Amino acid sequence: MGAWQPKTGPNRVVGVGANAVDAVYLLPQAPAPSGPRAKLRIRRHFVSCGGQVATSLATCTRLGLETQYIGAIGTDSNGDRIRQALVQAGVGTTHVVTRAGENPAAVILIDETTGERIVLWDRGTSFGLNPTEIPEDLIASADLLHVDDVDLDASILAATLARSHAVPVTSDIERIEERTEELVRAVTHPIFGEDVAVALSGCADHEAALRKIRAQNPGVLCVTLGAAGSIALDGDRIIRAPGIRVAAVDTTGAGDVFRGAFIHAILAGRSTADTLRFANAAAAASCTKFGAISAVPTLAETLALAGEPC
């Protein structure tokens, strides 16, 4: 996709963050360090494209938004593969940065009985973005910026630029590092992985964690809870949305799909309760297919699972 034209069409979402090429292995059950599960026969294996921001943007595009990806892609065959996957998904790649070497990759182990996965990942140090590789004009022209916590320096800088232009910022926060709290303060909609908010706050449960984190961020705070759904703090009100039961075959990328659907919902002006319900439906729908980007649901599939008319 080329440069963006003047604003006339769908909402525009810019994403700054990670992509990955996944080597996926289906196992008869989850592995264990000893006993009968220490050696498992691989039932099936395949290669799939994903990554936190890449999958979220693919979700946004599938749901009808216009997207541009800012991230680094390698020069190996996996780099070619992820670039092609983004283009096929309709994600703009004009601002992709090419890095010599192997593209970020992951190994995904899937328990065939539950669809739950274990992720083993690697990302070379050369794949961080330099400040000059983050175009302020592109971010300023967006309706929303989405960042992850893989390259914290780039995400914080991008979020700061977006906020200076009154552009809302969603985030994918899945781990705690030295600058994590700075990222929480920099964005408008922090979305935490299931264990992160509790660990970051030192509280015993998600509600208490969000209320403590409120001191760092006045916006809508959200935690994804896997099959249990999601929870958010909007103002002083806790909102819970139960998960939607499906026959899951692969949970890879479900949290990233949740964030893409969350973005679609808030740009559509949905309430926080409706946003959580819609995002839960999209995440659940993605679990019924294999892969990350390849499992992104359509708007019709998401609405149907959410119990809404198409």
C-alpha atoms as a PDB file:
ATOM      1  CA  MET A   1       0.000   0.000   0.000  1.00  0.00           C
ATOM      2  CA  GLY A   2       1.215   3.523  -0.774  1.00  0.00           C
ATOM      3  CA  ALA A   3       1.102   6.779   1.127  1.00  0.00           C
ATOM      4  CA  TRP A   4      -2.145   7.707   2.804  1.00  0.00           C
ATOM      5  CA  GLN A   5      -4.456  10.026   0.961  1.00  0.00           C
ATOM      6  CA  PRO A   6      -6.330  12.921   2.626  1.00  0.00           C
ATOM      7  CA  LYS A   7      -8.771  11.728   5.281  1.00  0.00           C
ATOM      8  CA  THR A   8     -12.002  10.718   3.601  1.00  0.00           C
ATOM      9  CA  GLY A   9     -12.421   6.994   4.178  1.00  0.00           C
ATOM     10  CA  PRO A  10     -12.152   4.482   7.030  1.00  0.00           C
ATOM     11  CA  ASN A  11     -10.547   5.265  10.361  1.00  0.00           C
ATOM     12  CA  ARG A  12      -6.763   5.078  10.211  1.00  0.00           C
ATOM     13  CA  VAL A  13      -4.705   3.038  12.640  1.00  0.00           C
ATOM     14  CA  VAL A  14      -0.915   3.129  12.856  1.00  0.00           C
ATOM     15  CA  GLY A  15       0.905   0.318  14.664  1.00  0.00           C
ATOM     16  CA  VAL A  16       4.435   0.387  16.078  1.00  0.00           C
ATOM     17  CA  GLY A  17       5.820  -2.914  17.284  1.00  0.00           C
ATOM     18  CA  ALA A  18       6.578  -6.539  16.690  1.00  0.00           C
ATOM     19  CA  ASN A  19       6.050  -9.035  13.921  1.00  0.00           C
ATOM     20  CA  ALA A  20       7.135 -12.680  13.918  1.00  0.00           C
ATOM     21  CA  VAL A  21       7.122 -15.825  11.863  1.00  0.00           C
ATOM     22  CA  ASP A  22       5.932 -18.776  13.952  1.00  0.00           C
ATOM     23  CA  ALA A  23       6.988 -22.390  13.608  1.00  0.00           C
ATOM     24  CA  VAL A  24       3.898 -24.114  15.006  1.00  0.00           C
ATOM     25  CA  TYR A  25       3.871 -27.650  16.420  1.00  0.00           C
ATOM     26  CA  LEU A  26       0.680 -29.466  17.415  1.00  0.00           C
ATOM     27  CA  LEU A  27       1.254 -31.874  20.298  1.00  0.00           C
ATOM     28  CA  PRO A  28      -1.112 -34.487  21.800  1.00  0.00           C
ATOM     29  CA  GLN A  29      -0.841 -32.682  25.161  1.00  0.00           C
ATOM     30  CA  ALA A  30       1.208 -29.997  26.861  1.00  0.00           C
ATOM     31  CA  PRO A  31       4.864 -30.996  27.419  1.00  0.00           C
ATOM     32  CA  ALA A  32       6.394 -31.525  30.854  1.00  0.00           C
ATOM     33  CA  PRO A  33      10.046 -31.804  31.968  1.00  0.00           C
ATOM     34  CA  SER A  34       9.640 -35.416  33.163  1.00  0.00           C
ATOM     35  CA  GLY A  35       7.345 -38.409  32.876  1.00  0.00           C
ATOM     36  CA  PRO A  36       5.364 -39.494  29.792  1.00  0.00           C
ATOM     37  CA  ARG A  37       4.951 -35.902  28.574  1.00  0.00           C
ATOM     38  CA  ALA A  38       8.716 -35.345  28.379  1.00  0.00           C
ATOM     39  CA  LYS A  39       8.742 -36.959  24.918  1.00  0.00           C
ATOM     40  CA  LEU A  40       5.802 -36.215  22.625  1.00  0.00           C
ATOM     41  CA  ARG A  41       5.202 -37.031  18.997  1.00  0.00           C
ATOM     42  CA  ILE A  42       4.439 -34.013  16.819  1.00  0.00           C
ATOM     43  CA  ARG A  43       0.968 -34.429  15.328  1.00  0.00           C
ATOM     44  CA  ARG A  44       1.326 -31.646  12.768  1.00  0.00           C
ATOM     45  CA  HIS A  45       3.556 -28.675  12.085  1.00  0.00           C
ATOM     46  CA  PHE A  46       3.345 -25.580   9.889  1.00  0.00           C
ATOM     47  CA  VAL A  47       4.624 -22.021   9.563  1.00  0.00           C
ATOM     48  CA  SER A  48       2.372 -19.062  10.413  1.00  0.00           C
ATOM     49  CA  CYS A  49       2.854 -15.301  10.499  1.00  0.00           C
ATOM     50  CA  GLY A  50       2.019 -13.173  13.522  1.00  0.00           C
ATOM     51  CA  GLY A  51       3.552 -10.895  16.129  1.00  0.00           C
ATOM     52  CA  GLN A  52       1.754  -8.608  18.556  1.00  0.00           C
ATOM     53  CA  VAL A  53       1.226  -5.432  16.528  1.00  0.00           C
ATOM     54  CA  ALA A  54       1.241  -7.162  13.137  1.00  0.00           C
ATOM     55  CA  THR A  55      -1.692  -9.384  14.161  1.00  0.00           C
ATOM     56  CA  SER A  56      -3.601  -6.518  15.775  1.00  0.00           C
ATOM     57  CA  LEU A  57      -3.281  -4.439  12.606  1.00  0.00           C
ATOM     58  CA  ALA A  58      -4.384  -7.376  10.454  1.00  0.00           C
ATOM     59  CA  THR A  59      -7.452  -7.584  12.687  1.00  0.00           C
ATOM     60  CA  CYS A  60      -8.164  -3.873  12.290  1.00  0.00           C
ATOM     61  CA  THR A  61      -7.916  -4.199   8.507  1.00  0.00           C
ATOM     62  CA  ARG A  62     -10.160  -7.285   8.396  1.00  0.00           C
ATOM     63  CA  LEU A  63     -12.757  -5.370  10.410  1.00  0.00           C
ATOM     64  CA  GLY A  64     -12.738  -2.455   7.956  1.00  0.00           C
ATOM     65  CA  LEU A  65     -10.087   0.002   9.171  1.00  0.00           C
ATOM     66  CA  GLU A  66      -7.123   1.396   7.239  1.00  0.00           C
ATOM     67  CA  THR A  67      -3.751   0.523   8.728  1.00  0.00           C
ATOM     68  CA  GLN A  68      -0.034   1.248   8.452  1.00  0.00           C
ATOM     69  CA  TYR A  69       2.683  -0.814  10.114  1.00  0.00           C
ATOM     70  CA  ILE A  70       5.908   0.677  11.489  1.00  0.00           C
ATOM     71  CA  GLY A  71       8.371  -2.066  12.356  1.00  0.00           C
ATOM     72  CA  ALA A  72      11.538  -3.847  11.298  1.00  0.00           C
ATOM     73  CA  ILE A  73      11.564  -6.860   8.975  1.00  0.00           C
ATOM     74  CA  GLY A  74      14.561  -9.080   8.205  1.00  0.00           C
ATOM     75  CA  THR A  75      16.116  -9.863   4.843  1.00  0.00           C
ATOM     76  CA  ASP A  76      15.787 -13.655   5.096  1.00  0.00           C
ATOM     77  CA  SER A  77      12.986 -15.849   3.764  1.00  0.00           C
ATOM     78  CA  ASN A  78      10.966 -15.265   6.942  1.00  0.00           C
ATOM     79  CA  GLY A  79      11.221 -11.530   6.337  1.00  0.00           C
ATOM     80  CA  ASP A  80       9.813 -12.072   2.855  1.00  0.00           C
ATOM     81  CA  ARG A  81       7.088 -14.258   4.347  1.00  0.00           C
ATOM     82  CA  ILE A  82       5.890 -11.729   6.944  1.00  0.00           C
ATOM     83  CA  ARG A  83       5.999  -8.874   4.448  1.00  0.00           C
ATOM     84  CA  GLN A  84       3.837 -10.875   2.057  1.00  0.00           C
ATOM     85  CA  ALA A  85       1.440 -11.816   4.861  1.00  0.00           C
ATOM     86  CA  LEU A  86       0.987  -8.154   5.835  1.00  0.00           C
ATOM     87  CA  VAL A  87       0.360  -7.125   2.235  1.00  0.00           C
ATOM     88  CA  GLN A  88      -2.140  -9.962   1.746  1.00  0.00           C
ATOM     89  CA  ALA A  89      -3.896  -8.888   4.948  1.00  0.00           C
ATOM     90  CA  GLY A  90      -4.212  -5.349   3.579  1.00  0.00           C
ATOM     91  CA  VAL A  91      -1.857  -3.788   6.133  1.00  0.00           C
ATOM     92  CA  GLY A  92       0.138  -0.840   4.804  1.00  0.00           C
ATOM     93  CA  THR A  93       3.875  -1.513   4.635  1.00  0.00           C
ATOM     94  CA  THR A  94       5.171   1.782   3.258  1.00  0.00           C
ATOM     95  CA  HIS A  95       6.989   2.544   6.501  1.00  0.00           C
ATOM     96  CA  VAL A  96       8.442  -0.904   7.160  1.00  0.00           C
ATOM     97  CA  VAL A  97      12.159  -0.810   7.975  1.00  0.00           C
ATOM     98  CA  THR A  98      14.407  -3.505   6.483  1.00  0.00           C
ATOM     99  CA  ARG A  99      17.106  -4.969   8.731  1.00  0.00           C
ATOM    100  CA  ALA A 100      19.855  -7.244   7.459  1.00  0.00           C
ATOM    101  CA  GLY A 101      19.601 -10.699   8.992  1.00  0.00           C
ATOM    102  CA  GLU A 102      17.044 -13.161  10.273  1.00  0.00           C
ATOM    103  CA  ASN A 103      13.514 -11.929  10.931  1.00  0.00           C
ATOM    104  CA  PRO A 104      12.137 -12.266  14.487  1.00  0.00           C
ATOM    105  CA  ALA A 105      10.745 -15.760  14.961  1.00  0.00           C
ATOM    106  CA  ALA A 106       8.926 -17.897  17.477  1.00  0.00           C
ATOM    107  CA  VAL A 107       8.237 -21.553  18.185  1.00  0.00           C
ATOM    108  CA  ILE A 108       4.638 -22.262  19.184  1.00  0.00           C
ATOM    109  CA  LEU A 109       3.731 -25.504  20.990  1.00  0.00           C
ATOM    110  CA  ILE A 110      -0.011 -26.191  20.925  1.00  0.00           C
ATOM    111  CA  ASP A 111      -1.801 -28.647  23.192  1.00  0.00           C
ATOM    112  CA  GLU A 112      -4.138 -30.403  20.749  1.00  0.00           C
ATOM    113  CA  THR A 113      -6.671 -31.201  23.484  1.00  0.00           C
ATOM    114  CA  THR A 114      -7.233 -27.593  24.588  1.00  0.00           C
ATOM    115  CA  GLY A 115      -5.765 -25.311  21.909  1.00  0.00           C
ATOM    116  CA  GLU A 116      -3.621 -23.605  24.566  1.00  0.00           C
ATOM    117  CA  ARG A 117      -0.109 -22.700  23.487  1.00  0.00           C
ATOM    118  CA  ILE A 118       3.411 -22.182  24.782  1.00  0.00           C
ATOM    119  CA  VAL A 119       5.438 -19.482  22.997  1.00  0.00           C
ATOM    120  CA  LEU A 120       9.228 -19.557  22.694  1.00  0.00           C
ATOM    121  CA  TRP A 121      10.527 -16.439  20.959  1.00  0.00           C
ATOM    122  CA  ASP A 122      13.642 -14.605  19.921  1.00  0.00           C
ATOM    123  CA  ARG A 123      14.217 -11.126  18.521  1.00  0.00           C
ATOM    124  CA  GLY A 124      17.645  -9.812  17.627  1.00  0.00           C
ATOM    125  CA  THR A 125      18.811  -6.563  19.203  1.00  0.00           C
ATOM    126  CA  SER A 126      19.120  -4.943  15.762  1.00  0.00           C
ATOM    127  CA  PHE A 127      15.343  -4.908  15.283  1.00  0.00           C
ATOM    128  CA  GLY A 128      14.711  -1.936  17.552  1.00  0.00           C
ATOM    129  CA  LEU A 129      13.583   1.241  15.786  1.00  0.00           C
ATOM    130  CA  ASN A 130      15.605   4.442  15.749  1.00  0.00           C
ATOM    131  CA  PRO A 131      13.781   7.731  16.445  1.00  0.00           C
ATOM    132  CA  THR A 132      14.240   8.770  12.800  1.00  0.00           C
ATOM    133  CA  GLU A 133      12.375   5.627  11.719  1.00  0.00           C
ATOM    134  CA  ILE A 134       9.192   6.685  13.509  1.00  0.00           C
ATOM    135  CA  PRO A 135       7.448   9.219  11.217  1.00  0.00           C
ATOM    136  CA  GLU A 136       5.690  11.869  13.279  1.00  0.00           C
ATOM    137  CA  ASP A 137       3.578  13.042  10.333  1.00  0.00           C
ATOM    138  CA  LEU A 138       2.112   9.567   9.854  1.00  0.00           C
ATOM    139  CA  ILE A 139       1.263   9.257  13.530  1.00  0.00           C
ATOM    140  CA  ALA A 140      -0.211  12.764  13.621  1.00  0.00           C
ATOM    141  CA  SER A 141      -2.530  11.892  10.722  1.00  0.00           C
ATOM    142  CA  ALA A 142      -3.843   8.729  12.369  1.00  0.00           C
ATOM    143  CA  ASP A 143      -7.104   8.277  14.238  1.00  0.00           C
ATOM    144  CA  LEU A 144      -5.364   5.927  16.678  1.00  0.00           C
ATOM    145  CA  LEU A 145      -1.887   4.565  17.424  1.00  0.00           C
ATOM    146  CA  HIS A 146      -1.313   1.031  18.713  1.00  0.00           C
ATOM    147  CA  VAL A 147       1.975  -0.003  20.353  1.00  0.00           C
ATOM    148  CA  ASP A 148       3.355  -3.054  22.143  1.00  0.00           C
ATOM    149  CA  ASP A 149       6.039  -3.568  24.779  1.00  0.00           C
ATOM    150  CA  VAL A 150       8.647  -5.376  22.687  1.00  0.00           C
ATOM    151  CA  ASP A 151      10.614  -2.225  21.796  1.00  0.00           C
ATOM    152  CA  LEU A 152       9.804   0.018  24.739  1.00  0.00           C
ATOM    153  CA  ASP A 153      11.925   2.945  23.588  1.00  0.00           C
ATOM    154  CA  ALA A 154      10.148   3.101  20.225  1.00  0.00           C
ATOM    155  CA  SER A 155       6.695   2.571  21.732  1.00  0.00           C
ATOM    156  CA  ILE A 156       7.113   5.295  24.353  1.00  0.00           C
ATOM    157  CA  LEU A 157       8.438   7.743  21.766  1.00  0.00           C
ATOM    158  CA  ALA A 158       5.610   6.957  19.336  1.00  0.00           C
ATOM    159  CA  ALA A 159       2.997   7.233  22.089  1.00  0.00           C
ATOM    160  CA  THR A 160       4.427  10.576  23.222  1.00  0.00           C
ATOM    161  CA  LEU A 161       4.266  11.904  19.652  1.00  0.00           C
ATOM    162  CA  ALA A 162       0.693  10.677  19.284  1.00  0.00           C
ATOM    163  CA  ARG A 163      -0.430  12.275  22.530  1.00  0.00           C
ATOM    164  CA  SER A 164       1.126  15.593  21.446  1.00  0.00           C
ATOM    165  CA  HIS A 165      -1.234  15.496  18.443  1.00  0.00           C
ATOM    166  CA  ALA A 166      -4.276  14.392  20.506  1.00  0.00           C
ATOM    167  CA  VAL A 167      -4.194  10.915  18.919  1.00  0.00           C
ATOM    168  CA  PRO A 168      -5.409   8.138  21.273  1.00  0.00           C
ATOM    169  CA  VAL A 169      -2.998   5.275  21.969  1.00  0.00           C
ATOM    170  CA  THR A 170      -3.801   1.661  22.793  1.00  0.00           C
ATOM    171  CA  SER A 171      -1.149  -0.733  24.015  1.00  0.00           C
ATOM    172  CA  ASP A 172      -0.247  -4.387  24.369  1.00  0.00           C
ATOM    173  CA  ILE A 173       1.557  -4.836  27.684  1.00  0.00           C
ATOM    174  CA  GLU A 174       2.543  -8.459  28.347  1.00  0.00           C
ATOM    175  CA  ARG A 175       5.647  -8.246  30.518  1.00  0.00           C
ATOM    176  CA  ILE A 176       7.278  -6.021  33.131  1.00  0.00           C
ATOM    177  CA  GLU A 177      10.550  -4.313  32.315  1.00  0.00           C
ATOM    178  CA  GLU A 178      12.398  -1.215  33.486  1.00  0.00           C
ATOM    179  CA  ARG A 179      10.300   1.263  31.449  1.00  0.00           C
ATOM    180  CA  THR A 180       6.925  -0.526  31.601  1.00  0.00           C
ATOM    181  CA  GLU A 181       5.364   1.994  33.982  1.00  0.00           C
ATOM    182  CA  GLU A 182       6.519   4.793  31.691  1.00  0.00           C
ATOM    183  CA  LEU A 183       4.688   3.113  28.818  1.00  0.00           C
ATOM    184  CA  VAL A 184       1.568   2.793  30.976  1.00  0.00           C
ATOM    185  CA  ARG A 185       1.649   6.543  31.584  1.00  0.00           C
ATOM    186  CA  ALA A 186       2.344   7.360  27.927  1.00  0.00           C
ATOM    187  CA  VAL A 187      -0.715   5.669  26.398  1.00  0.00           C
ATOM    188  CA  THR A 188      -4.427   6.425  26.720  1.00  0.00           C
ATOM    189  CA  HIS A 189      -5.733   2.839  26.826  1.00  0.00           C
ATOM    190  CA  PRO A 190      -3.326   0.397  28.516  1.00  0.00           C
ATOM    191  CA  ILE A 191      -4.343  -3.211  27.781  1.00  0.00           C
ATOM    192  CA  PHE A 192      -2.548  -5.673  30.044  1.00  0.00           C
ATOM    193  CA  GLY A 193      -1.973  -9.390  29.682  1.00  0.00           C
ATOM    194  CA  GLU A 194      -3.641 -11.543  32.317  1.00  0.00           C
ATOM    195  CA  ASP A 195      -0.801 -11.623  34.857  1.00  0.00           C
ATOM    196  CA  VAL A 196       0.800  -8.244  34.231  1.00  0.00           C
ATOM    197  CA  ALA A 197      -1.484  -5.795  36.030  1.00  0.00           C
ATOM    198  CA  VAL A 198      -1.445  -7.856  39.224  1.00  0.00           C
ATOM    199  CA  ALA A 199       2.330  -8.218  39.132  1.00  0.00           C
ATOM    200  CA  LEU A 200       2.872  -4.554  38.274  1.00  0.00           C
ATOM    201  CA  SER A 201       0.639  -3.324  41.093  1.00  0.00           C
ATOM    202  CA  GLY A 202       1.492  -5.904  43.721  1.00  0.00           C
ATOM    203  CA  CYS A 203      -2.228  -6.427  44.336  1.00  0.00           C
ATOM    204  CA  ALA A 204      -3.945  -9.767  44.809  1.00  0.00           C
ATOM    205  CA  ASP A 205      -6.675  -9.428  42.182  1.00  0.00           C
ATOM    206  CA  HIS A 206      -7.383  -7.642  38.909  1.00  0.00           C
ATOM    207  CA  GLU A 207      -9.875  -5.101  40.241  1.00  0.00           C
ATOM    208  CA  ALA A 208      -7.535  -3.948  42.993  1.00  0.00           C
ATOM    209  CA  ALA A 209      -4.667  -3.874  40.491  1.00  0.00           C
ATOM    210  CA  LEU A 210      -6.530  -1.639  38.058  1.00  0.00           C
ATOM    211  CA  ARG A 211      -7.622   0.715  40.815  1.00  0.00           C
ATOM    212  CA  LYS A 212      -4.011   1.080  41.954  1.00  0.00           C
ATOM    213  CA  ILE A 213      -2.748   1.606  38.402  1.00  0.00           C
ATOM    214  CA  ARG A 214      -5.401   4.308  38.006  1.00  0.00           C
ATOM    215  CA  ALA A 215      -2.961   6.675  39.757  1.00  0.00           C
ATOM    216  CA  GLN A 216      -0.659   6.349  36.713  1.00  0.00           C
ATOM    217  CA  ASN A 217      -3.265   6.638  33.966  1.00  0.00           C
ATOM    218  CA  PRO A 218      -6.724   8.282  33.955  1.00  0.00           C
ATOM    219  CA  GLY A 219      -7.973   6.448  30.852  1.00  0.00           C
ATOM    220  CA  VAL A 220      -9.759   3.160  30.343  1.00  0.00           C
ATOM    221  CA  LEU A 221      -7.607   0.370  31.809  1.00  0.00           C
ATOM    222  CA  CYS A 222      -8.133  -3.174  30.563  1.00  0.00           C
ATOM    223  CA  VAL A 223      -6.916  -6.691  31.348  1.00  0.00           C
ATOM    224  CA  THR A 224      -7.394  -9.672  29.042  1.00  0.00           C
ATOM    225  CA  LEU A 225      -8.248 -12.883  30.905  1.00  0.00           C
ATOM    226  CA  GLY A 226      -8.052 -15.545  28.222  1.00  0.00           C
ATOM    227  CA  ALA A 227     -11.051 -17.867  28.181  1.00  0.00           C
ATOM    228  CA  ALA A 228     -12.469 -15.975  31.191  1.00  0.00           C
ATOM    229  CA  GLY A 229     -12.981 -12.819  29.089  1.00  0.00           C
ATOM    230  CA  SER A 230     -11.791  -9.370  30.101  1.00  0.00           C
ATOM    231  CA  ILE A 231     -12.114  -6.682  32.741  1.00  0.00           C
ATOM    232  CA  ALA A 232     -11.784  -2.903  32.530  1.00  0.00           C
ATOM    233  CA  LEU A 233     -11.780   0.140  34.784  1.00  0.00           C
ATOM    234  CA  ASP A 234     -13.661   3.028  33.162  1.00  0.00           C
ATOM    235  CA  GLY A 235     -13.578   6.049  35.433  1.00  0.00           C
ATOM    236  CA  ASP A 236     -14.351   4.513  38.815  1.00  0.00           C
ATOM    237  CA  ARG A 237     -16.498   1.710  37.396  1.00  0.00           C
ATOM    238  CA  ILE A 238     -15.299  -1.877  37.016  1.00  0.00           C
ATOM    239  CA  ILE A 239     -16.725  -3.616  33.944  1.00  0.00           C
ATOM    240  CA  ARG A 240     -16.467  -7.359  33.413  1.00  0.00           C
ATOM    241  CA  ALA A 241     -17.209  -9.226  30.200  1.00  0.00           C
ATOM    242  CA  PRO A 242     -17.232 -13.029  30.327  1.00  0.00           C
ATOM    243  CA  GLY A 243     -15.425 -15.045  27.701  1.00  0.00           C
ATOM    244  CA  ILE A 244     -17.318 -16.720  24.896  1.00  0.00           C
ATOM    245  CA  ARG A 245     -17.092 -20.497  24.841  1.00  0.00           C
ATOM    246  CA  VAL A 246     -15.845 -21.992  21.564  1.00  0.00           C
ATOM    247  CA  ALA A 247     -14.167 -25.211  20.469  1.00  0.00           C
ATOM    248  CA  ALA A 248     -10.638 -23.803  20.530  1.00  0.00           C
ATOM    249  CA  VAL A 249      -7.948 -25.355  18.352  1.00  0.00           C
ATOM    250  CA  ASP A 250      -5.247 -22.657  18.678  1.00  0.00           C
ATOM    251  CA  THR A 251      -5.154 -19.691  21.070  1.00  0.00           C
ATOM    252  CA  THR A 252      -2.093 -18.133  19.384  1.00  0.00           C
ATOM    253  CA  GLY A 253      -2.663 -14.432  18.711  1.00  0.00           C
ATOM    254  CA  ALA A 254      -6.022 -14.291  20.496  1.00  0.00           C
ATOM    255  CA  GLY A 255      -4.876 -11.410  22.693  1.00  0.00           C
ATOM    256  CA  ASP A 256      -3.610  -9.522  19.655  1.00  0.00           C
ATOM    257  CA  VAL A 257      -6.941 -10.048  17.896  1.00  0.00           C
ATOM    258  CA  PHE A 258      -8.695  -8.805  21.052  1.00  0.00           C
ATOM    259  CA  ARG A 259      -6.713  -5.581  20.837  1.00  0.00           C
ATOM    260  CA  GLY A 260      -7.479  -5.091  17.148  1.00  0.00           C
ATOM    261  CA  ALA A 261     -11.184  -5.567  17.799  1.00  0.00           C
ATOM    262  CA  PHE A 262     -10.946  -3.298  20.861  1.00  0.00           C
ATOM    263  CA  ILE A 263      -9.529  -0.591  18.576  1.00  0.00           C
ATOM    264  CA  HIS A 264     -12.324  -1.077  16.051  1.00  0.00           C
ATOM    265  CA  ALA A 265     -14.934  -0.834  18.790  1.00  0.00           C
ATOM    266  CA  ILE A 266     -13.659   2.348  20.441  1.00  0.00           C
ATOM    267  CA  LEU A 267     -13.266   4.071  17.069  1.00  0.00           C
ATOM    268  CA  ALA A 268     -16.871   3.088  16.352  1.00  0.00           C
ATOM    269  CA  GLY A 269     -17.925   4.854  19.554  1.00  0.00           C
ATOM    270  CA  ARG A 270     -18.999   1.744  21.455  1.00  0.00           C
ATOM    271  CA  SER A 271     -19.320   1.833  25.221  1.00  0.00           C
ATOM    272  CA  THR A 272     -16.619   0.131  27.251  1.00  0.00           C
ATOM    273  CA  ALA A 273     -18.947  -2.785  28.046  1.00  0.00           C
ATOM    274  CA  ASP A 274     -19.778  -3.278  24.364  1.00  0.00           C
ATOM    275  CA  THR A 275     -16.117  -2.891  23.434  1.00  0.00           C
ATOM    276  CA  LEU A 276     -15.103  -5.705  25.767  1.00  0.00           C
ATOM    277  CA  ARG A 277     -17.910  -7.951  24.542  1.00  0.00           C
ATOM    278  CA  PHE A 278     -17.037  -7.310  20.878  1.00  0.00           C
ATOM    279  CA  ALA A 279     -13.311  -7.833  21.461  1.00  0.00           C
ATOM    280  CA  ASN A 280     -13.979 -11.036  23.418  1.00  0.00           C
ATOM    281  CA  ALA A 281     -16.000 -12.337  20.474  1.00  0.00           C
ATOM    282  CA  ALA A 282     -13.231 -11.596  17.975  1.00  0.00           C
ATOM    283  CA  ALA A 283     -10.622 -13.259  20.172  1.00  0.00           C
ATOM    284  CA  ALA A 284     -12.817 -16.325  20.653  1.00  0.00           C
ATOM    285  CA  ALA A 285     -13.473 -16.580  16.921  1.00  0.00           C
ATOM    286  CA  SER A 286      -9.733 -16.513  16.226  1.00  0.00           C
ATOM    287  CA  CYS A 287      -9.240 -19.506  18.515  1.00  0.00           C
ATOM    288  CA  THR A 288     -11.328 -21.693  16.218  1.00  0.00           C
ATOM    289  CA  LYS A 289      -8.686 -21.446  13.464  1.00  0.00           C
ATOM    290  CA  PHE A 290      -4.960 -22.163  13.309  1.00  0.00           C
ATOM    291  CA  GLY A 291      -2.364 -19.414  13.204  1.00  0.00           C
ATOM    292  CA  ALA A 292      -2.298 -15.749  14.170  1.00  0.00           C
ATOM    293  CA  ILE A 293      -2.798 -13.453  11.168  1.00  0.00           C
ATOM    294  CA  SER A 294      -4.382 -16.359   9.274  1.00  0.00           C
ATOM    295  CA  ALA A 295      -6.963 -16.790  12.056  1.00  0.00           C
ATOM    296  CA  VAL A 296      -8.183 -13.174  12.167  1.00  0.00           C
ATOM    297  CA  PRO A 297     -12.012 -13.222  11.966  1.00  0.00           C
ATOM    298  CA  THR A 298     -14.231 -11.158   9.696  1.00  0.00           C
ATOM    299  CA  LEU A 299     -16.626  -8.535  11.012  1.00  0.00           C
ATOM    300  CA  ALA A 300     -19.554 -10.859  10.227  1.00  0.00           C
ATOM    301  CA  GLU A 301     -17.962 -13.720  12.196  1.00  0.00           C
ATOM    302  CA  THR A 302     -17.277 -11.436  15.142  1.00  0.00           C
ATOM    303  CA  LEU A 303     -20.773  -9.958  15.201  1.00  0.00           C
ATOM    304  CA  ALA A 304     -22.344 -13.400  14.962  1.00  0.00           C
ATOM    305  CA  LEU A 305     -20.355 -14.694  17.934  1.00  0.00           C
ATOM    306  CA  ALA A 306     -21.132 -11.502  19.869  1.00  0.00           C
ATOM    307  CA  GLY A 307     -24.839 -12.092  19.227  1.00  0.00           C
ATOM    308  CA  GLU A 308     -25.263  -8.940  17.146  1.00  0.00           C
ATOM    309  CA  PRO A 309     -26.934  -8.554  13.743  1.00  0.00           C
ATOM    310  CA  CYS A 310     -24.581  -8.296  10.783  1.00  0.00           C
END
